[in-house]
Amino acid sequence: MSDVRITYIGGPTALLEIGPWRILTDPTFDPPGKRYFFGWGTVSRKLQGPAIAFDELEPIHAVLLSHDHHGDNLDPAGRALLPRMGTVVTTRAGARRLGGAARGLAPWATTTLEAEGRPPLEITATPCRHGPPGSHPIVGDVIGFALRWEGQEHGVLWISGDTVLYDGVREVARRLDVGTAIIHLGGVRFPVSGPLRYTMTAQDAIELCGLLDPTTIVPMHYEGWKHFRQSHVDAQDAFAASPLAERVRWLRAGEPAGLSV
């Protein structure tokens, strides 16, 4: 299973086709226009709907849910559809809230997806800090995901999750050989907290990927919501001016793209 397809749905949501596995990240399927409240005076509006309706994506065998408590990572439509999506892998706190068969992971814990007719897929949670120092009581637990399977040629496939650049994600570079890095960007900010950021900018991602040294960089989570403050164009310009420019794959919403993993 060295060849993988990724289809960008919008925001943090993408379909990963890894051999026979069909895996969805952070399901968001609400139409645009709704306002979302994240606590402590933070609010945002969804500006774009999903590029593909969920019915066109089925079957989904598993969900990688970086966190369940923010509407830009699991919105009401995505939450209602979870029972149709197979195994949910998320934070420990999220698994308690979701109940059912959700699997909760602490950073650096591992679980394995297994099913008849599909090869085992190992998933390791990686650290995230979804805001400035000291913000955890407000923003809660978030994780990223490192995926391993037999036949990988270029290292693990890593999804950063919603995080700023800090020592926890730098630890990923020390502990893992990353072949493909799917990086959440957006430079999220809110008026109530001024210049403080809650996700990486392209400049942060460039610094991080300089440590990771991945073969392929796939930016996501940079458009479709009002609180994403670094535009797609600005992020593209930053990567284009970096030494990593040739490694970046910008996805077109709704169009499957092949990854050599």
C-alpha atoms as a PDB file:
ATOM      1  CA  MET A   1       0.000   0.000   0.000  1.00  0.00           C
ATOM      2  CA  SER A   2       2.558   2.595  -1.024  1.00  0.00           C
ATOM      3  CA  ASP A   3       0.099   4.621  -3.122  1.00  0.00           C
ATOM      4  CA  VAL A   4      -2.492   6.727  -1.308  1.00  0.00           C
ATOM      5  CA  ARG A   5      -5.249   8.996  -2.565  1.00  0.00           C
ATOM      6  CA  ILE A   6      -6.414  12.077  -0.711  1.00  0.00           C
ATOM      7  CA  THR A   7      -9.549  14.041  -1.540  1.00  0.00           C
ATOM      8  CA  TYR A   8      -9.915  17.441   0.100  1.00  0.00           C
ATOM      9  CA  ILE A   9     -13.501  18.091   1.239  1.00  0.00           C
ATOM     10  CA  GLY A  10     -12.985  21.450   2.962  1.00  0.00           C
ATOM     11  CA  GLY A  11     -11.445  22.955   6.098  1.00  0.00           C
ATOM     12  CA  PRO A  12      -9.841  20.069   8.027  1.00  0.00           C
ATOM     13  CA  THR A  13     -11.889  17.390   6.258  1.00  0.00           C
ATOM     14  CA  ALA A  14     -10.345  14.973   3.770  1.00  0.00           C
ATOM     15  CA  LEU A  15     -10.861  11.423   2.571  1.00  0.00           C
ATOM     16  CA  LEU A  16      -7.767   9.222   2.761  1.00  0.00           C
ATOM     17  CA  GLU A  17      -7.826   6.076   0.632  1.00  0.00           C
ATOM     18  CA  ILE A  18      -5.039   3.841   1.883  1.00  0.00           C
ATOM     19  CA  GLY A  19      -5.319   0.608  -0.052  1.00  0.00           C
ATOM     20  CA  PRO A  20      -8.823  -0.702   0.780  1.00  0.00           C
ATOM     21  CA  TRP A  21      -9.161   1.599   3.809  1.00  0.00           C
ATOM     22  CA  ARG A  22     -11.359   4.699   3.487  1.00  0.00           C
ATOM     23  CA  ILE A  23     -10.623   7.113   6.320  1.00  0.00           C
ATOM     24  CA  LEU A  24     -12.118  10.540   6.964  1.00  0.00           C
ATOM     25  CA  THR A  25     -10.442  13.337   8.907  1.00  0.00           C
ATOM     26  CA  ASP A  26     -12.341  15.814  11.138  1.00  0.00           C
ATOM     27  CA  PRO A  27     -15.842  15.527   9.599  1.00  0.00           C
ATOM     28  CA  THR A  28     -17.417  18.906   8.746  1.00  0.00           C
ATOM     29  CA  PHE A  29     -20.483  18.760   6.500  1.00  0.00           C
ATOM     30  CA  ASP A  30     -22.621  21.749   7.537  1.00  0.00           C
ATOM     31  CA  PRO A  31     -23.611  24.210   4.814  1.00  0.00           C
ATOM     32  CA  PRO A  32     -22.068  27.691   5.000  1.00  0.00           C
ATOM     33  CA  GLY A  33     -23.546  30.560   6.962  1.00  0.00           C
ATOM     34  CA  LYS A  34     -23.869  29.214  10.496  1.00  0.00           C
ATOM     35  CA  ARG A  35     -22.064  30.810  13.467  1.00  0.00           C
ATOM     36  CA  TYR A  36     -20.037  28.622  15.832  1.00  0.00           C
ATOM     37  CA  PHE A  37     -19.090  29.400  19.422  1.00  0.00           C
ATOM     38  CA  PHE A  38     -15.845  28.010  20.827  1.00  0.00           C
ATOM     39  CA  GLY A  39     -16.076  29.395  24.354  1.00  0.00           C
ATOM     40  CA  TRP A  40     -14.633  32.399  26.221  1.00  0.00           C
ATOM     41  CA  GLY A  41     -16.026  34.874  23.699  1.00  0.00           C
ATOM     42  CA  THR A  42     -14.633  33.206  20.584  1.00  0.00           C
ATOM     43  CA  VAL A  43     -16.986  32.895  17.622  1.00  0.00           C
ATOM     44  CA  SER A  44     -16.688  32.224  13.913  1.00  0.00           C
ATOM     45  CA  ARG A  45     -18.798  31.753  10.799  1.00  0.00           C
ATOM     46  CA  LYS A  46     -18.527  29.015   8.200  1.00  0.00           C
ATOM     47  CA  LEU A  47     -17.953  30.512   4.756  1.00  0.00           C
ATOM     48  CA  GLN A  48     -17.864  27.422   2.503  1.00  0.00           C
ATOM     49  CA  GLY A  49     -19.716  24.137   2.426  1.00  0.00           C
ATOM     50  CA  PRO A  50     -18.212  20.698   1.715  1.00  0.00           C
ATOM     51  CA  ALA A  51     -16.988  20.057  -1.809  1.00  0.00           C
ATOM     52  CA  ILE A  52     -18.510  16.564  -1.762  1.00  0.00           C
ATOM     53  CA  ALA A  53     -21.652  15.388   0.034  1.00  0.00           C
ATOM     54  CA  PHE A  54     -21.141  12.632   2.575  1.00  0.00           C
ATOM     55  CA  ASP A  55     -23.387  10.212   0.670  1.00  0.00           C
ATOM     56  CA  GLU A  56     -20.890  10.312  -2.195  1.00  0.00           C
ATOM     57  CA  LEU A  57     -18.005   9.328   0.107  1.00  0.00           C
ATOM     58  CA  GLU A  58     -19.400   6.165   1.663  1.00  0.00           C
ATOM     59  CA  PRO A  59     -18.317   3.702   2.832  1.00  0.00           C
ATOM     60  CA  ILE A  60     -16.133   5.255   5.532  1.00  0.00           C
ATOM     61  CA  HIS A  61     -14.266   2.713   7.647  1.00  0.00           C
ATOM     62  CA  ALA A  62     -12.754   5.025  10.264  1.00  0.00           C
ATOM     63  CA  VAL A  63     -12.543   8.646  11.388  1.00  0.00           C
ATOM     64  CA  LEU A  64      -9.459  10.470  12.644  1.00  0.00           C
ATOM     65  CA  LEU A  65     -10.977  13.172  14.843  1.00  0.00           C
ATOM     66  CA  SER A  66      -8.359  15.544  16.223  1.00  0.00           C
ATOM     67  CA  HIS A  67     -10.922  16.912  18.693  1.00  0.00           C
ATOM     68  CA  ASP A  68     -14.676  16.730  19.036  1.00  0.00           C
ATOM     69  CA  HIS A  69     -15.498  19.955  20.864  1.00  0.00           C
ATOM     70  CA  HIS A  70     -14.940  22.618  18.176  1.00  0.00           C
ATOM     71  CA  GLY A  71     -17.475  23.034  15.409  1.00  0.00           C
ATOM     72  CA  ASP A  72     -14.840  23.616  12.747  1.00  0.00           C
ATOM     73  CA  ASN A  73     -13.528  20.079  13.332  1.00  0.00           C
ATOM     74  CA  LEU A  74     -16.773  18.266  14.109  1.00  0.00           C
ATOM     75  CA  ASP A  75     -19.858  20.238  13.174  1.00  0.00           C
ATOM     76  CA  PRO A  76     -23.471  19.176  13.828  1.00  0.00           C
ATOM     77  CA  ALA A  77     -23.839  17.452  10.458  1.00  0.00           C
ATOM     78  CA  GLY A  78     -20.548  15.594  10.939  1.00  0.00           C
ATOM     79  CA  ARG A  79     -21.564  14.570  14.462  1.00  0.00           C
ATOM     80  CA  ALA A  80     -24.910  13.224  13.246  1.00  0.00           C
ATOM     81  CA  LEU A  81     -23.127  11.171  10.573  1.00  0.00           C
ATOM     82  CA  LEU A  82     -20.551   9.580  12.912  1.00  0.00           C
ATOM     83  CA  PRO A  83     -22.593   6.362  13.398  1.00  0.00           C
ATOM     84  CA  ARG A  84     -22.183   5.743   9.647  1.00  0.00           C
ATOM     85  CA  MET A  85     -18.396   6.153   9.729  1.00  0.00           C
ATOM     86  CA  GLY A  86     -17.011   3.092  11.488  1.00  0.00           C
ATOM     87  CA  THR A  87     -14.323   3.402  14.155  1.00  0.00           C
ATOM     88  CA  VAL A  88     -13.669   6.878  15.577  1.00  0.00           C
ATOM     89  CA  VAL A  89     -10.147   7.567  16.866  1.00  0.00           C
ATOM     90  CA  THR A  90      -9.845  10.745  18.929  1.00  0.00           C
ATOM     91  CA  THR A  91      -8.641  12.162  22.244  1.00  0.00           C
ATOM     92  CA  ARG A  92      -9.375  10.338  25.487  1.00  0.00           C
ATOM     93  CA  ALA A  93     -11.694  13.133  26.606  1.00  0.00           C
ATOM     94  CA  GLY A  94     -13.419  13.086  23.232  1.00  0.00           C
ATOM     95  CA  ALA A  95     -13.950   9.326  23.367  1.00  0.00           C
ATOM     96  CA  ARG A  96     -15.616   9.703  26.775  1.00  0.00           C
ATOM     97  CA  ARG A  97     -17.931  12.380  25.422  1.00  0.00           C
ATOM     98  CA  LEU A  98     -18.764  10.483  22.238  1.00  0.00           C
ATOM     99  CA  GLY A  99     -19.195   7.106  23.904  1.00  0.00           C
ATOM    100  CA  GLY A 100     -19.895   4.026  21.855  1.00  0.00           C
ATOM    101  CA  ALA A 101     -16.895   2.451  20.156  1.00  0.00           C
ATOM    102  CA  ALA A 102     -14.779   5.605  19.975  1.00  0.00           C
ATOM    103  CA  ARG A 103     -11.117   4.945  20.778  1.00  0.00           C
ATOM    104  CA  GLY A 104      -9.395   7.581  22.883  1.00  0.00           C
ATOM    105  CA  LEU A 105      -5.639   8.118  22.649  1.00  0.00           C
ATOM    106  CA  ALA A 106      -3.206  10.166  24.692  1.00  0.00           C
ATOM    107  CA  PRO A 107      -0.210  11.605  22.836  1.00  0.00           C
ATOM    108  CA  TRP A 108       2.179   8.833  21.720  1.00  0.00           C
ATOM    109  CA  ALA A 109      -0.356   6.078  22.418  1.00  0.00           C
ATOM    110  CA  THR A 110      -1.093   3.704  19.537  1.00  0.00           C
ATOM    111  CA  THR A 111      -4.057   1.723  18.281  1.00  0.00           C
ATOM    112  CA  THR A 112      -4.415  -0.565  15.267  1.00  0.00           C
ATOM    113  CA  LEU A 113      -7.313  -0.729  12.834  1.00  0.00           C
ATOM    114  CA  GLU A 114      -7.989  -4.279  11.693  1.00  0.00           C
ATOM    115  CA  ALA A 115     -10.694  -5.733   9.485  1.00  0.00           C
ATOM    116  CA  GLU A 116     -11.130  -8.792   7.315  1.00  0.00           C
ATOM    117  CA  GLY A 117      -9.800  -8.151   3.834  1.00  0.00           C
ATOM    118  CA  ARG A 118      -7.836  -5.059   4.880  1.00  0.00           C
ATOM    119  CA  PRO A 119      -4.233  -4.967   6.109  1.00  0.00           C
ATOM    120  CA  PRO A 120      -3.579  -3.631   9.643  1.00  0.00           C
ATOM    121  CA  LEU A 121      -3.242   0.136   9.935  1.00  0.00           C
ATOM    122  CA  GLU A 122      -1.361   1.479  12.964  1.00  0.00           C
ATOM    123  CA  ILE A 123      -2.339   4.902  14.303  1.00  0.00           C
ATOM    124  CA  THR A 124      -0.225   6.817  16.831  1.00  0.00           C
ATOM    125  CA  ALA A 125      -1.509   9.998  18.451  1.00  0.00           C
ATOM    126  CA  THR A 126       0.885  12.941  18.410  1.00  0.00           C
ATOM    127  CA  PRO A 127       0.912  16.064  20.612  1.00  0.00           C
ATOM    128  CA  CYS A 128      -0.941  19.293  19.839  1.00  0.00           C
ATOM    129  CA  ARG A 129      -1.352  22.585  21.634  1.00  0.00           C
ATOM    130  CA  HIS A 130      -4.308  24.427  20.138  1.00  0.00           C
ATOM    131  CA  GLY A 131      -3.281  27.885  21.331  1.00  0.00           C
ATOM    132  CA  PRO A 132      -0.732  29.938  23.258  1.00  0.00           C
ATOM    133  CA  PRO A 133       0.973  28.730  26.450  1.00  0.00           C
ATOM    134  CA  GLY A 134      -1.552  28.199  29.234  1.00  0.00           C
ATOM    135  CA  SER A 135      -4.523  27.879  26.879  1.00  0.00           C
ATOM    136  CA  HIS A 136      -5.235  24.199  27.513  1.00  0.00           C
ATOM    137  CA  PRO A 137      -8.010  24.777  30.105  1.00  0.00           C
ATOM    138  CA  ILE A 138      -9.817  26.826  27.445  1.00  0.00           C
ATOM    139  CA  VAL A 139      -9.117  24.912  24.228  1.00  0.00           C
ATOM    140  CA  GLY A 140      -9.014  21.362  25.619  1.00  0.00           C
ATOM    141  CA  ASP A 141      -7.286  18.234  24.339  1.00  0.00           C
ATOM    142  CA  VAL A 142      -6.278  17.902  20.692  1.00  0.00           C
ATOM    143  CA  ILE A 143      -4.151  15.272  18.929  1.00  0.00           C
ATOM    144  CA  GLY A 144      -2.540  14.652  15.578  1.00  0.00           C
ATOM    145  CA  PHE A 145      -2.084  11.259  13.938  1.00  0.00           C
ATOM    146  CA  ALA A 146       0.818   9.256  12.524  1.00  0.00           C
ATOM    147  CA  LEU A 147      -0.214   6.373  10.246  1.00  0.00           C
ATOM    148  CA  ARG A 148       1.911   3.304   9.543  1.00  0.00           C
ATOM    149  CA  TRP A 149       1.231   0.270   7.389  1.00  0.00           C
ATOM    150  CA  GLU A 150       3.198  -2.430   5.642  1.00  0.00           C
ATOM    151  CA  GLY A 151       4.763  -1.300   2.394  1.00  0.00           C
ATOM    152  CA  GLN A 152       5.410   2.358   3.222  1.00  0.00           C
ATOM    153  CA  GLU A 153       8.440   3.601   1.296  1.00  0.00           C
ATOM    154  CA  HIS A 154       8.967   7.167   2.531  1.00  0.00           C
ATOM    155  CA  GLY A 155       8.068   7.146   6.234  1.00  0.00           C
ATOM    156  CA  VAL A 156       4.830   7.633   8.136  1.00  0.00           C
ATOM    157  CA  LEU A 157       1.904   9.718   6.974  1.00  0.00           C
ATOM    158  CA  TRP A 158       1.435  12.416   9.611  1.00  0.00           C
ATOM    159  CA  ILE A 159      -1.554  14.706  10.194  1.00  0.00           C
ATOM    160  CA  SER A 160      -0.638  17.612  12.453  1.00  0.00           C
ATOM    161  CA  GLY A 161      -4.086  18.362  13.864  1.00  0.00           C
ATOM    162  CA  ASP A 162      -4.953  21.868  15.066  1.00  0.00           C
ATOM    163  CA  THR A 163      -1.824  23.120  16.789  1.00  0.00           C
ATOM    164  CA  VAL A 164       0.614  25.985  17.085  1.00  0.00           C
ATOM    165  CA  LEU A 165       4.324  25.455  16.603  1.00  0.00           C
ATOM    166  CA  TYR A 166       5.741  24.359  19.963  1.00  0.00           C
ATOM    167  CA  ASP A 167       8.009  21.712  21.438  1.00  0.00           C
ATOM    168  CA  GLY A 168       5.328  19.003  21.283  1.00  0.00           C
ATOM    169  CA  VAL A 169       5.168  19.051  17.481  1.00  0.00           C
ATOM    170  CA  ARG A 170       8.915  19.514  17.235  1.00  0.00           C
ATOM    171  CA  GLU A 171       9.117  16.214  19.127  1.00  0.00           C
ATOM    172  CA  VAL A 172       7.429  14.562  16.139  1.00  0.00           C
ATOM    173  CA  ALA A 173      10.544  15.359  14.110  1.00  0.00           C
ATOM    174  CA  ARG A 174      12.739  13.736  16.750  1.00  0.00           C
ATOM    175  CA  ARG A 175      10.644  10.588  17.159  1.00  0.00           C
ATOM    176  CA  LEU A 176       9.196   9.846  13.724  1.00  0.00           C
ATOM    177  CA  ASP A 177      10.425   9.480  10.171  1.00  0.00           C
ATOM    178  CA  VAL A 178       7.735  11.485   8.363  1.00  0.00           C
ATOM    179  CA  GLY A 179       7.252  10.900   4.650  1.00  0.00           C
ATOM    180  CA  THR A 180       4.036  12.858   4.067  1.00  0.00           C
ATOM    181  CA  ALA A 181       3.042  15.750   6.346  1.00  0.00           C
ATOM    182  CA  ILE A 182      -0.564  16.959   6.221  1.00  0.00           C
ATOM    183  CA  ILE A 183      -0.356  20.299   8.016  1.00  0.00           C
ATOM    184  CA  HIS A 184      -3.213  22.333   9.489  1.00  0.00           C
ATOM    185  CA  LEU A 185      -2.645  26.022   8.810  1.00  0.00           C
ATOM    186  CA  GLY A 186      -4.948  29.048   8.916  1.00  0.00           C
ATOM    187  CA  GLY A 187      -3.178  31.175  11.516  1.00  0.00           C
ATOM    188  CA  VAL A 188      -6.399  31.157  13.558  1.00  0.00           C
ATOM    189  CA  ARG A 189      -7.052  34.298  15.629  1.00  0.00           C
ATOM    190  CA  PHE A 190     -10.083  35.830  17.356  1.00  0.00           C
ATOM    191  CA  PRO A 191     -10.795  39.510  18.120  1.00  0.00           C
ATOM    192  CA  VAL A 192     -11.264  38.746  21.823  1.00  0.00           C
ATOM    193  CA  SER A 193      -7.696  37.429  22.161  1.00  0.00           C
ATOM    194  CA  GLY A 194      -5.958  39.902  19.866  1.00  0.00           C
ATOM    195  CA  PRO A 195      -2.711  38.712  18.244  1.00  0.00           C
ATOM    196  CA  LEU A 196      -2.696  35.277  19.905  1.00  0.00           C
ATOM    197  CA  ARG A 197      -2.800  32.403  17.425  1.00  0.00           C
ATOM    198  CA  TYR A 198      -4.436  28.999  17.748  1.00  0.00           C
ATOM    199  CA  THR A 199      -3.052  27.209  14.673  1.00  0.00           C
ATOM    200  CA  MET A 200       0.092  27.434  12.586  1.00  0.00           C
ATOM    201  CA  THR A 201       0.802  29.896   9.835  1.00  0.00           C
ATOM    202  CA  ALA A 202       2.623  28.834   6.674  1.00  0.00           C
ATOM    203  CA  GLN A 203       5.793  30.334   8.129  1.00  0.00           C
ATOM    204  CA  ASP A 204       5.425  28.105  11.211  1.00  0.00           C
ATOM    205  CA  ALA A 205       4.840  25.074   8.999  1.00  0.00           C
ATOM    206  CA  ILE A 206       7.927  25.870   6.933  1.00  0.00           C
ATOM    207  CA  GLU A 207      10.026  25.962  10.102  1.00  0.00           C
ATOM    208  CA  LEU A 208       8.508  22.698  11.332  1.00  0.00           C
ATOM    209  CA  CYS A 209       8.908  20.926   7.993  1.00  0.00           C
ATOM    210  CA  GLY A 210      12.537  21.982   7.936  1.00  0.00           C
ATOM    211  CA  LEU A 211      12.888  19.720  10.977  1.00  0.00           C
ATOM    212  CA  LEU A 212      10.604  16.944   9.726  1.00  0.00           C
ATOM    213  CA  ASP A 213      12.195  16.812   6.248  1.00  0.00           C
ATOM    214  CA  PRO A 214       9.148  15.140   4.652  1.00  0.00           C
ATOM    215  CA  THR A 215       9.033  14.060   1.043  1.00  0.00           C
ATOM    216  CA  THR A 216       5.608  15.665   0.582  1.00  0.00           C
ATOM    217  CA  ILE A 217       3.823  18.527   2.378  1.00  0.00           C
ATOM    218  CA  VAL A 218       0.033  18.823   2.085  1.00  0.00           C
ATOM    219  CA  PRO A 219      -1.452  22.019   3.565  1.00  0.00           C
ATOM    220  CA  MET A 220      -5.064  21.955   4.806  1.00  0.00           C
ATOM    221  CA  HIS A 221      -7.319  23.874   7.232  1.00  0.00           C
ATOM    222  CA  TYR A 222      -6.659  27.273   5.637  1.00  0.00           C
ATOM    223  CA  GLU A 223      -9.995  28.274   4.092  1.00  0.00           C
ATOM    224  CA  GLY A 224     -13.715  28.121   4.616  1.00  0.00           C
ATOM    225  CA  TRP A 225     -14.003  29.773   8.045  1.00  0.00           C
ATOM    226  CA  LYS A 226     -13.870  33.397   9.155  1.00  0.00           C
ATOM    227  CA  HIS A 227     -11.355  32.729  11.940  1.00  0.00           C
ATOM    228  CA  PHE A 228      -8.764  31.402   9.482  1.00  0.00           C
ATOM    229  CA  ARG A 229      -6.682  34.589   9.246  1.00  0.00           C
ATOM    230  CA  GLN A 230      -3.866  33.670   6.854  1.00  0.00           C
ATOM    231  CA  SER A 231      -5.298  33.425   3.358  1.00  0.00           C
ATOM    232  CA  HIS A 232      -4.655  30.643   0.900  1.00  0.00           C
ATOM    233  CA  VAL A 233      -2.776  33.088  -1.338  1.00  0.00           C
ATOM    234  CA  ASP A 234      -0.513  34.301   1.480  1.00  0.00           C
ATOM    235  CA  ALA A 235       0.228  30.723   2.520  1.00  0.00           C
ATOM    236  CA  GLN A 236       1.039  29.766  -1.075  1.00  0.00           C
ATOM    237  CA  ASP A 237       3.360  32.737  -1.418  1.00  0.00           C
ATOM    238  CA  ALA A 238       5.191  31.827   1.786  1.00  0.00           C
ATOM    239  CA  PHE A 239       5.778  28.230   0.684  1.00  0.00           C
ATOM    240  CA  ALA A 240       6.732  29.294  -2.841  1.00  0.00           C
ATOM    241  CA  ALA A 241       9.495  31.490  -1.421  1.00  0.00           C
ATOM    242  CA  SER A 242      10.813  28.714   0.849  1.00  0.00           C
ATOM    243  CA  PRO A 243      13.374  25.951   0.194  1.00  0.00           C
ATOM    244  CA  LEU A 244      10.487  23.465   0.490  1.00  0.00           C
ATOM    245  CA  ALA A 245       8.494  24.819  -2.437  1.00  0.00           C
ATOM    246  CA  GLU A 246       8.928  21.745  -4.648  1.00  0.00           C
ATOM    247  CA  ARG A 247       7.599  19.417  -1.953  1.00  0.00           C
ATOM    248  CA  VAL A 248       4.232  21.141  -1.453  1.00  0.00           C
ATOM    249  CA  ARG A 249       0.998  19.664  -2.880  1.00  0.00           C
ATOM    250  CA  TRP A 250      -1.923  22.073  -2.908  1.00  0.00           C
ATOM    251  CA  LEU A 251      -5.190  20.169  -3.137  1.00  0.00           C
ATOM    252  CA  ARG A 252      -8.178  21.166  -5.247  1.00  0.00           C
ATOM    253  CA  ALA A 253     -11.437  20.664  -3.367  1.00  0.00           C
ATOM    254  CA  GLY A 254     -13.328  17.597  -4.514  1.00  0.00           C
ATOM    255  CA  GLU A 255     -10.546  16.236  -6.735  1.00  0.00           C
ATOM    256  CA  PRO A 256      -8.653  13.082  -5.655  1.00  0.00           C
ATOM    257  CA  ALA A 257      -4.866  13.437  -5.632  1.00  0.00           C
ATOM    258  CA  GLY A 258      -2.321  10.640  -5.497  1.00  0.00           C
ATOM    259  CA  LEU A 259       0.425  10.563  -2.872  1.00  0.00           C
ATOM    260  CA  SER A 260       3.497   8.356  -3.046  1.00  0.00           C
ATOM    261  CA  VAL A 261       3.795   7.087   0.518  1.00  0.00           C
END
